Amino acid sequence: MNTLFWMGWYLVLGATLVAFYFFFAGLADGSVSQSNMGIWMWLVLGLPALLGITWWLKGQDRIKTALGLLSIPSLLVIAYLIFIAAVLFGNNKWN
């Protein structure tokens, strides 16, 4: 159970780092504007909060609750990675 927690936690950490990269790159090129700042704030503040809350829950010996919170974003990251692998390694013609 502990290994499953850390796998999910690191997947969400990777997604958080990617979100931060695209946020700061968008600030630099102007694609993050006031019209979409609310969505970005949910990502930039929500993902680290999720990591902190699940870390705290693990420290309180509530690993099942922490796994429940981590399961949805972890499954989304896994689905995205499978999609990227299919695009990169599949012999698909997109035209």
PDB file of N, CA and C in Angstrom:
ATOM      1  N   MET A   1       0.820  -1.180   0.000  1.00  0.00           N
ATOM      2  CA  MET A   1       0.000   0.000   0.000  1.00  0.00           C
ATOM      3  C   MET A   1       0.874   1.257   0.000  1.00  0.00           C
ATOM      4  N   ASN A   2       1.981   1.165   0.705  1.00  0.00           N
ATOM      5  CA  ASN A   2       2.890   2.305   0.789  1.00  0.00           C
ATOM      6  C   ASN A   2       3.530   2.596  -0.569  1.00  0.00           C
ATOM      7  N   THR A   3       3.891   1.540  -1.302  1.00  0.00           N
ATOM      8  CA  THR A   3       4.498   1.710  -2.620  1.00  0.00           C
ATOM      9  C   THR A   3       3.498   2.309  -3.598  1.00  0.00           C
ATOM     10  N   LEU A   4       2.259   1.882  -3.511  1.00  0.00           N
ATOM     11  CA  LEU A   4       1.219   2.420  -4.377  1.00  0.00           C
ATOM     12  C   LEU A   4       1.008   3.913  -4.117  1.00  0.00           C
ATOM     13  N   PHE A   5       1.076   4.300  -2.837  1.00  0.00           N
ATOM     14  CA  PHE A   5       0.965   5.717  -2.494  1.00  0.00           C
ATOM     15  C   PHE A   5       2.084   6.518  -3.142  1.00  0.00           C
ATOM     16  N   TRP A   6       3.315   6.041  -3.014  1.00  0.00           N
ATOM     17  CA  TRP A   6       4.435   6.806  -3.550  1.00  0.00           C
ATOM     18  C   TRP A   6       4.418   6.851  -5.072  1.00  0.00           C
ATOM     19  N   MET A   7       3.960   5.791  -5.716  1.00  0.00           N
ATOM     20  CA  MET A   7       3.848   5.821  -7.178  1.00  0.00           C
ATOM     21  C   MET A   7       2.840   6.885  -7.610  1.00  0.00           C
ATOM     22  N   GLY A   8       1.698   6.912  -6.976  1.00  0.00           N
ATOM     23  CA  GLY A   8       0.694   7.926  -7.294  1.00  0.00           C
ATOM     24  C   GLY A   8       1.168   9.321  -6.956  1.00  0.00           C
ATOM     25  N   TRP A   9       1.858   9.449  -5.834  1.00  0.00           N
ATOM     26  CA  TRP A   9       2.339  10.764  -5.412  1.00  0.00           C
ATOM     27  C   TRP A   9       3.348  11.319  -6.409  1.00  0.00           C
ATOM     28  N   TYR A  10       4.264  10.471  -6.877  1.00  0.00           N
ATOM     29  CA  TYR A  10       5.261  10.940  -7.843  1.00  0.00           C
ATOM     30  C   TYR A  10       4.647  11.219  -9.208  1.00  0.00           C
ATOM     31  N   LEU A  11       3.611  10.485  -9.592  1.00  0.00           N
ATOM     32  CA  LEU A  11       2.917  10.802 -10.840  1.00  0.00           C
ATOM     33  C   LEU A  11       2.275  12.185 -10.769  1.00  0.00           C
ATOM     34  N   VAL A  12       1.618  12.477  -9.656  1.00  0.00           N
ATOM     35  CA  VAL A  12       0.996  13.785  -9.491  1.00  0.00           C
ATOM     36  C   VAL A  12       2.068  14.869  -9.356  1.00  0.00           C
ATOM     37  N   LEU A  13       3.194  14.562  -8.731  1.00  0.00           N
ATOM     38  CA  LEU A  13       4.292  15.523  -8.665  1.00  0.00           C
ATOM     39  C   LEU A  13       4.796  15.856 -10.064  1.00  0.00           C
ATOM     40  N   GLY A  14       4.939  14.853 -10.913  1.00  0.00           N
ATOM     41  CA  GLY A  14       5.353  15.108 -12.292  1.00  0.00           C
ATOM     42  C   GLY A  14       4.351  15.983 -13.025  1.00  0.00           C
ATOM     43  N   ALA A  15       3.061  15.711 -12.842  1.00  0.00           N
ATOM     44  CA  ALA A  15       2.030  16.540 -13.477  1.00  0.00           C
ATOM     45  C   ALA A  15       2.081  17.966 -12.944  1.00  0.00           C
ATOM     46  N   THR A  16       2.377  18.123 -11.662  1.00  0.00           N
ATOM     47  CA  THR A  16       2.484  19.450 -11.065  1.00  0.00           C
ATOM     48  C   THR A  16       3.654  20.216 -11.665  1.00  0.00           C
ATOM     49  N   LEU A  17       4.779  19.548 -11.826  1.00  0.00           N
ATOM     50  CA  LEU A  17       5.941  20.217 -12.413  1.00  0.00           C
ATOM     51  C   LEU A  17       5.688  20.605 -13.868  1.00  0.00           C
ATOM     52  N   VAL A  18       4.995  19.761 -14.620  1.00  0.00           N
ATOM     53  CA  VAL A  18       4.648  20.087 -16.006  1.00  0.00           C
ATOM     54  C   VAL A  18       3.695  21.278 -16.041  1.00  0.00           C
ATOM     55  N   ALA A  19       2.722  21.304 -15.127  1.00  0.00           N
ATOM     56  CA  ALA A  19       1.780  22.429 -15.072  1.00  0.00           C
ATOM     57  C   ALA A  19       2.512  23.725 -14.742  1.00  0.00           C
ATOM     58  N   PHE A  20       3.465  23.672 -13.802  1.00  0.00           N
ATOM     59  CA  PHE A  20       4.243  24.863 -13.483  1.00  0.00           C
ATOM     60  C   PHE A  20       5.064  25.334 -14.678  1.00  0.00           C
ATOM     61  N   TYR A  21       5.656  24.406 -15.413  1.00  0.00           N
ATOM     62  CA  TYR A  21       6.439  24.777 -16.588  1.00  0.00           C
ATOM     63  C   TYR A  21       5.567  25.508 -17.611  1.00  0.00           C
ATOM     64  N   PHE A  22       4.410  24.916 -17.930  1.00  0.00           N
ATOM     65  CA  PHE A  22       3.551  25.541 -18.923  1.00  0.00           C
ATOM     66  C   PHE A  22       2.957  26.854 -18.418  1.00  0.00           C
ATOM     67  N   PHE A  23       2.734  26.971 -17.114  1.00  0.00           N
ATOM     68  CA  PHE A  23       2.237  28.229 -16.563  1.00  0.00           C
ATOM     69  C   PHE A  23       3.257  29.343 -16.743  1.00  0.00           C
ATOM     70  N   PHE A  24       4.500  29.080 -16.358  1.00  0.00           N
ATOM     71  CA  PHE A  24       5.515  30.125 -16.468  1.00  0.00           C
ATOM     72  C   PHE A  24       5.898  30.401 -17.916  1.00  0.00           C
ATOM     73  N   ALA A  25       5.875  29.385 -18.764  1.00  0.00           N
ATOM     74  CA  ALA A  25       6.112  29.612 -20.192  1.00  0.00           C
ATOM     75  C   ALA A  25       4.973  30.439 -20.784  1.00  0.00           C
ATOM     76  N   GLY A  26       3.749  30.185 -20.350  1.00  0.00           N
ATOM     77  CA  GLY A  26       2.611  30.968 -20.817  1.00  0.00           C
ATOM     78  C   GLY A  26       2.646  32.394 -20.323  1.00  0.00           C
ATOM     79  N   LEU A  27       3.147  32.603 -19.123  1.00  0.00           N
ATOM     80  CA  LEU A  27       3.313  33.974 -18.645  1.00  0.00           C
ATOM     81  C   LEU A  27       4.345  34.718 -19.477  1.00  0.00           C
ATOM     82  N   ALA A  28       5.394  34.009 -19.859  1.00  0.00           N
ATOM     83  CA  ALA A  28       6.459  34.645 -20.630  1.00  0.00           C
ATOM     84  C   ALA A  28       6.006  35.014 -22.036  1.00  0.00           C
ATOM     85  N   ASP A  29       5.201  34.162 -22.684  1.00  0.00           N
ATOM     86  CA  ASP A  29       4.802  34.463 -24.061  1.00  0.00           C
ATOM     87  C   ASP A  29       3.429  35.114 -24.162  1.00  0.00           C
ATOM     88  N   GLY A  30       2.763  35.310 -23.051  1.00  0.00           N
ATOM     89  CA  GLY A  30       1.491  36.018 -23.058  1.00  0.00           C
ATOM     90  C   GLY A  30       0.268  35.156 -23.290  1.00  0.00           C
ATOM     91  N   SER A  31       0.412  33.860 -23.398  1.00  0.00           N
ATOM     92  CA  SER A  31      -0.759  33.006 -23.620  1.00  0.00           C
ATOM     93  C   SER A  31      -1.554  32.777 -22.336  1.00  0.00           C
ATOM     94  N   VAL A  32      -0.946  32.997 -21.181  1.00  0.00           N
ATOM     95  CA  VAL A  32      -1.683  32.999 -19.918  1.00  0.00           C
ATOM     96  C   VAL A  32      -2.103  34.441 -19.678  1.00  0.00           C
ATOM     97  N   SER A  33      -3.401  34.686 -19.825  1.00  0.00           N
ATOM     98  CA  SER A  33      -3.903  36.046 -19.699  1.00  0.00           C
ATOM     99  C   SER A  33      -4.953  36.096 -18.598  1.00  0.00           C
ATOM    100  N   GLN A  34      -5.539  37.254 -18.430  1.00  0.00           N
ATOM    101  CA  GLN A  34      -6.530  37.412 -17.376  1.00  0.00           C
ATOM    102  C   GLN A  34      -7.782  36.595 -17.654  1.00  0.00           C
ATOM    103  N   SER A  35      -8.063  36.328 -18.919  1.00  0.00           N
ATOM    104  CA  SER A  35      -9.274  35.573 -19.244  1.00  0.00           C
ATOM    105  C   SER A  35      -9.181  34.102 -18.852  1.00  0.00           C
ATOM    106  N   ASN A  36      -7.996  33.532 -18.816  1.00  0.00           N
ATOM    107  CA  ASN A  36      -7.852  32.128 -18.413  1.00  0.00           C
ATOM    108  C   ASN A  36      -7.034  31.959 -17.133  1.00  0.00           C
ATOM    109  N   MET A  37      -6.839  33.030 -16.399  1.00  0.00           N
ATOM    110  CA  MET A  37      -6.041  32.965 -15.177  1.00  0.00           C
ATOM    111  C   MET A  37      -6.722  32.118 -14.098  1.00  0.00           C
ATOM    112  N   GLY A  38      -8.041  32.090 -14.061  1.00  0.00           N
ATOM    113  CA  GLY A  38      -8.739  31.291 -13.053  1.00  0.00           C
ATOM    114  C   GLY A  38      -8.452  29.811 -13.194  1.00  0.00           C
ATOM    115  N   ILE A  39      -8.446  29.333 -14.422  1.00  0.00           N
ATOM    116  CA  ILE A  39      -8.139  27.920 -14.659  1.00  0.00           C
ATOM    117  C   ILE A  39      -6.706  27.621 -14.239  1.00  0.00           C
ATOM    118  N   TRP A  40      -5.796  28.502 -14.581  1.00  0.00           N
ATOM    119  CA  TRP A  40      -4.396  28.289 -14.218  1.00  0.00           C
ATOM    120  C   TRP A  40      -4.195  28.328 -12.704  1.00  0.00           C
ATOM    121  N   MET A  41      -4.925  29.194 -12.024  1.00  0.00           N
ATOM    122  CA  MET A  41      -4.771  29.258 -10.573  1.00  0.00           C
ATOM    123  C   MET A  41      -5.260  27.978  -9.906  1.00  0.00           C
ATOM    124  N   TRP A  42      -6.333  27.370 -10.436  1.00  0.00           N
ATOM    125  CA  TRP A  42      -6.776  26.084  -9.906  1.00  0.00           C
ATOM    126  C   TRP A  42      -5.685  25.033 -10.061  1.00  0.00           C
ATOM    127  N   LEU A  43      -5.008  25.032 -11.213  1.00  0.00           N
ATOM    128  CA  LEU A  43      -3.939  24.057 -11.430  1.00  0.00           C
ATOM    129  C   LEU A  43      -2.719  24.349 -10.562  1.00  0.00           C
ATOM    130  N   VAL A  44      -2.281  25.606 -10.575  1.00  0.00           N
ATOM    131  CA  VAL A  44      -1.025  25.970  -9.902  1.00  0.00           C
ATOM    132  C   VAL A  44      -1.173  25.890  -8.383  1.00  0.00           C
ATOM    133  N   LEU A  45      -2.357  26.163  -7.861  1.00  0.00           N
ATOM    134  CA  LEU A  45      -2.557  26.083  -6.416  1.00  0.00           C
ATOM    135  C   LEU A  45      -3.143  24.738  -5.974  1.00  0.00           C
ATOM    136  N   GLY A  46      -3.961  24.118  -6.832  1.00  0.00           N
ATOM    137  CA  GLY A  46      -4.645  22.890  -6.449  1.00  0.00           C
ATOM    138  C   GLY A  46      -3.759  21.664  -6.412  1.00  0.00           C
ATOM    139  N   LEU A  47      -2.897  21.515  -7.401  1.00  0.00           N
ATOM    140  CA  LEU A  47      -2.038  20.323  -7.435  1.00  0.00           C
ATOM    141  C   LEU A  47      -1.037  20.287  -6.281  1.00  0.00           C
ATOM    142  N   PRO A  48      -0.333  21.391  -5.964  1.00  0.00           N
ATOM    143  CA  PRO A  48       0.536  21.335  -4.775  1.00  0.00           C
ATOM    144  C   PRO A  48      -0.254  21.144  -3.474  1.00  0.00           C
ATOM    145  N   ALA A  49      -1.461  21.709  -3.409  1.00  0.00           N
ATOM    146  CA  ALA A  49      -2.290  21.499  -2.218  1.00  0.00           C
ATOM    147  C   ALA A  49      -2.663  20.027  -2.086  1.00  0.00           C
ATOM    148  N   LEU A  50      -2.984  19.389  -3.198  1.00  0.00           N
ATOM    149  CA  LEU A  50      -3.295  17.962  -3.177  1.00  0.00           C
ATOM    150  C   LEU A  50      -2.095  17.150  -2.695  1.00  0.00           C
ATOM    151  N   LEU A  51      -0.913  17.498  -3.168  1.00  0.00           N
ATOM    152  CA  LEU A  51       0.287  16.790  -2.718  1.00  0.00           C
ATOM    153  C   LEU A  51       0.520  16.992  -1.224  1.00  0.00           C
ATOM    154  N   GLY A  52       0.331  18.215  -0.759  1.00  0.00           N
ATOM    155  CA  GLY A  52       0.524  18.490   0.666  1.00  0.00           C
ATOM    156  C   GLY A  52      -0.500  17.782   1.541  1.00  0.00           C
ATOM    157  N   ILE A  53      -1.751  17.785   1.108  1.00  0.00           N
ATOM    158  CA  ILE A  53      -2.806  17.136   1.889  1.00  0.00           C
ATOM    159  C   ILE A  53      -2.575  15.630   1.957  1.00  0.00           C
ATOM    160  N   THR A  54      -2.194  15.027   0.837  1.00  0.00           N
ATOM    161  CA  THR A  54      -1.974  13.584   0.852  1.00  0.00           C
ATOM    162  C   THR A  54      -0.732  13.218   1.664  1.00  0.00           C
ATOM    163  N   TRP A  55       0.288  14.067   1.629  1.00  0.00           N
ATOM    164  CA  TRP A  55       1.474  13.838   2.467  1.00  0.00           C
ATOM    165  C   TRP A  55       1.083  13.882   3.939  1.00  0.00           C
ATOM    166  N   TRP A  56       0.254  14.869   4.302  1.00  0.00           N
ATOM    167  CA  TRP A  56      -0.196  14.996   5.682  1.00  0.00           C
ATOM    168  C   TRP A  56      -1.045  13.789   6.083  1.00  0.00           C
ATOM    169  N   LEU A  57      -1.952  13.361   5.197  1.00  0.00           N
ATOM    170  CA  LEU A  57      -2.792  12.201   5.500  1.00  0.00           C
ATOM    171  C   LEU A  57      -1.960  10.943   5.693  1.00  0.00           C
ATOM    172  N   LYS A  58      -0.905  10.790   4.898  1.00  0.00           N
ATOM    173  CA  LYS A  58      -0.027   9.630   5.074  1.00  0.00           C
ATOM    174  C   LYS A  58       0.666   9.691   6.428  1.00  0.00           C
ATOM    175  N   GLY A  59       1.055  10.885   6.840  1.00  0.00           N
ATOM    176  CA  GLY A  59       1.675  11.045   8.155  1.00  0.00           C
ATOM    177  C   GLY A  59       0.720  10.745   9.297  1.00  0.00           C
ATOM    178  N   GLN A  60      -0.569  10.902   9.054  1.00  0.00           N
ATOM    179  CA  GLN A  60      -1.591  10.598  10.055  1.00  0.00           C
ATOM    180  C   GLN A  60      -2.093   9.155   9.961  1.00  0.00           C
ATOM    181  N   ASP A  61      -1.408   8.320   9.202  1.00  0.00           N
ATOM    182  CA  ASP A  61      -1.753   6.913   8.980  1.00  0.00           C
ATOM    183  C   ASP A  61      -3.133   6.735   8.351  1.00  0.00           C
ATOM    184  N   ARG A  62      -3.462   7.613   7.445  1.00  0.00           N
ATOM    185  CA  ARG A  62      -4.699   7.510   6.666  1.00  0.00           C
ATOM    186  C   ARG A  62      -4.332   7.317   5.196  1.00  0.00           C
ATOM    187  N   ILE A  63      -3.636   6.234   4.944  1.00  0.00           N
ATOM    188  CA  ILE A  63      -3.100   5.984   3.606  1.00  0.00           C
ATOM    189  C   ILE A  63      -4.222   5.702   2.614  1.00  0.00           C
ATOM    190  N   LYS A  64      -5.276   5.029   3.030  1.00  0.00           N
ATOM    191  CA  LYS A  64      -6.379   4.741   2.104  1.00  0.00           C
ATOM    192  C   LYS A  64      -7.071   6.021   1.652  1.00  0.00           C
ATOM    193  N   THR A  65      -7.236   6.964   2.551  1.00  0.00           N
ATOM    194  CA  THR A  65      -7.830   8.249   2.175  1.00  0.00           C
ATOM    195  C   THR A  65      -6.906   9.005   1.231  1.00  0.00           C
ATOM    196  N   ALA A  66      -5.625   8.977   1.516  1.00  0.00           N
ATOM    197  CA  ALA A  66      -4.662   9.639   0.645  1.00  0.00           C
ATOM    198  C   ALA A  66      -4.642   8.995  -0.736  1.00  0.00           C
ATOM    199  N   LEU A  67      -4.709   7.676  -0.778  1.00  0.00           N
ATOM    200  CA  LEU A  67      -4.760   6.980  -2.063  1.00  0.00           C
ATOM    201  C   LEU A  67      -6.031   7.312  -2.829  1.00  0.00           C
ATOM    202  N   GLY A  68      -7.118   7.463  -2.132  1.00  0.00           N
ATOM    203  CA  GLY A  68      -8.364   7.852  -2.777  1.00  0.00           C
ATOM    204  C   GLY A  68      -8.268   9.225  -3.416  1.00  0.00           C
ATOM    205  N   LEU A  69      -7.609  10.148  -2.730  1.00  0.00           N
ATOM    206  CA  LEU A  69      -7.426  11.490  -3.286  1.00  0.00           C
ATOM    207  C   LEU A  69      -6.458  11.494  -4.466  1.00  0.00           C
ATOM    208  N   LEU A  70      -5.452  10.651  -4.404  1.00  0.00           N
ATOM    209  CA  LEU A  70      -4.446  10.607  -5.470  1.00  0.00           C
ATOM    210  C   LEU A  70      -4.884   9.781  -6.672  1.00  0.00           C
ATOM    211  N   SER A  71      -5.903   8.970  -6.509  1.00  0.00           N
ATOM    212  CA  SER A  71      -6.240   8.022  -7.566  1.00  0.00           C
ATOM    213  C   SER A  71      -6.717   8.697  -8.843  1.00  0.00           C
ATOM    214  N   ILE A  72      -7.567   9.711  -8.736  1.00  0.00           N
ATOM    215  CA  ILE A  72      -8.112  10.336  -9.952  1.00  0.00           C
ATOM    216  C   ILE A  72      -7.039  11.045 -10.764  1.00  0.00           C
ATOM    217  N   PRO A  73      -6.243  11.935 -10.172  1.00  0.00           N
ATOM    218  CA  PRO A  73      -5.206  12.560 -11.003  1.00  0.00           C
ATOM    219  C   PRO A  73      -4.149  11.571 -11.493  1.00  0.00           C
ATOM    220  N   SER A  74      -3.858  10.546 -10.693  1.00  0.00           N
ATOM    221  CA  SER A  74      -2.876   9.545 -11.124  1.00  0.00           C
ATOM    222  C   SER A  74      -3.378   8.768 -12.331  1.00  0.00           C
ATOM    223  N   LEU A  75      -4.656   8.385 -12.312  1.00  0.00           N
ATOM    224  CA  LEU A  75      -5.219   7.658 -13.448  1.00  0.00           C
ATOM    225  C   LEU A  75      -5.274   8.534 -14.698  1.00  0.00           C
ATOM    226  N   LEU A  76      -5.535   9.819 -14.520  1.00  0.00           N
ATOM    227  CA  LEU A  76      -5.521  10.733 -15.662  1.00  0.00           C
ATOM    228  C   LEU A  76      -4.120  10.864 -16.258  1.00  0.00           C
ATOM    229  N   VAL A  77      -3.108  10.923 -15.402  1.00  0.00           N
ATOM    230  CA  VAL A  77      -1.727  11.005 -15.886  1.00  0.00           C
ATOM    231  C   VAL A  77      -1.353   9.724 -16.621  1.00  0.00           C
ATOM    232  N   ILE A  78      -1.728   8.573 -16.080  1.00  0.00           N
ATOM    233  CA  ILE A  78      -1.429   7.299 -16.741  1.00  0.00           C
ATOM    234  C   ILE A  78      -2.120   7.220 -18.093  1.00  0.00           C
ATOM    235  N   ALA A  79      -3.393   7.646 -18.166  1.00  0.00           N
ATOM    236  CA  ALA A  79      -4.113   7.628 -19.441  1.00  0.00           C
ATOM    237  C   ALA A  79      -3.440   8.543 -20.459  1.00  0.00           C
ATOM    238  N   TYR A  80      -2.976   9.697 -20.018  1.00  0.00           N
ATOM    239  CA  TYR A  80      -2.289  10.617 -20.927  1.00  0.00           C
ATOM    240  C   TYR A  80      -0.969  10.025 -21.408  1.00  0.00           C
ATOM    241  N   LEU A  81      -0.234   9.379 -20.525  1.00  0.00           N
ATOM    242  CA  LEU A  81       1.038   8.773 -20.924  1.00  0.00           C
ATOM    243  C   LEU A  81       0.821   7.633 -21.916  1.00  0.00           C
ATOM    244  N   ILE A  82      -0.253   6.867 -21.736  1.00  0.00           N
ATOM    245  CA  ILE A  82      -0.577   5.813 -22.699  1.00  0.00           C
ATOM    246  C   ILE A  82      -0.921   6.425 -24.051  1.00  0.00           C
ATOM    247  N   PHE A  83      -1.669   7.517 -24.055  1.00  0.00           N
ATOM    248  CA  PHE A  83      -2.015   8.194 -25.303  1.00  0.00           C
ATOM    249  C   PHE A  83      -0.758   8.701 -26.010  1.00  0.00           C
ATOM    250  N   ILE A  84       0.143   9.328 -25.284  1.00  0.00           N
ATOM    251  CA  ILE A  84       1.384   9.843 -25.876  1.00  0.00           C
ATOM    252  C   ILE A  84       2.219   8.689 -26.429  1.00  0.00           C
ATOM    253  N   ALA A  85       2.291   7.571 -25.715  1.00  0.00           N
ATOM    254  CA  ALA A  85       3.045   6.409 -26.207  1.00  0.00           C
ATOM    255  C   ALA A  85       2.412   5.859 -27.481  1.00  0.00           C
ATOM    256  N   ALA A  86       1.087   5.842 -27.549  1.00  0.00           N
ATOM    257  CA  ALA A  86       0.415   5.354 -28.755  1.00  0.00           C
ATOM    258  C   ALA A  86       0.674   6.268 -29.941  1.00  0.00           C
ATOM    259  N   VAL A  87       0.718   7.558 -29.699  1.00  0.00           N
ATOM    260  CA  VAL A  87       0.990   8.513 -30.782  1.00  0.00           C
ATOM    261  C   VAL A  87       2.434   8.388 -31.250  1.00  0.00           C
ATOM    262  N   LEU A  88       3.356   8.260 -30.317  1.00  0.00           N
ATOM    263  CA  LEU A  88       4.777   8.229 -30.682  1.00  0.00           C
ATOM    264  C   LEU A  88       5.194   6.913 -31.312  1.00  0.00           C
ATOM    265  N   PHE A  89       4.682   5.801 -30.791  1.00  0.00           N
ATOM    266  CA  PHE A  89       5.170   4.507 -31.229  1.00  0.00           C
ATOM    267  C   PHE A  89       4.224   3.767 -32.166  1.00  0.00           C
ATOM    268  N   GLY A  90       3.046   4.288 -32.370  1.00  0.00           N
ATOM    269  CA  GLY A  90       2.112   3.659 -33.294  1.00  0.00           C
ATOM    270  C   GLY A  90       2.418   4.064 -34.723  1.00  0.00           C
ATOM    271  N   ASN A  91       2.086   3.205 -35.649  1.00  0.00           N
ATOM    272  CA  ASN A  91       2.288   3.516 -37.073  1.00  0.00           C
ATOM    273  C   ASN A  91       1.006   4.084 -37.648  1.00  0.00           C
ATOM    274  N   ASN A  92       0.615   5.234 -37.139  1.00  0.00           N
ATOM    275  CA  ASN A  92      -0.624   5.867 -37.558  1.00  0.00           C
ATOM    276  C   ASN A  92      -0.330   6.966 -38.561  1.00  0.00           C
ATOM    277  N   LYS A  93      -1.218   7.106 -39.515  1.00  0.00           N
ATOM    278  CA  LYS A  93      -1.168   8.243 -40.429  1.00  0.00           C
ATOM    279  C   LYS A  93      -2.258   9.206 -40.004  1.00  0.00           C
ATOM    280  N   TRP A  94      -1.878  10.428 -39.760  1.00  0.00           N
ATOM    281  CA  TRP A  94      -2.813  11.407 -39.223  1.00  0.00           C
ATOM    282  C   TRP A  94      -3.383  12.305 -40.313  1.00  0.00           C
ATOM    283  N   ASN A  95      -3.083  12.029 -41.579  1.00  0.00           N
ATOM    284  CA  ASN A  95      -3.623  12.876 -42.634  1.00  0.00           C
ATOM    285  C   ASN A  95      -4.808  12.262 -43.315  1.00  0.00           C
TER     286      ASN A  95
END
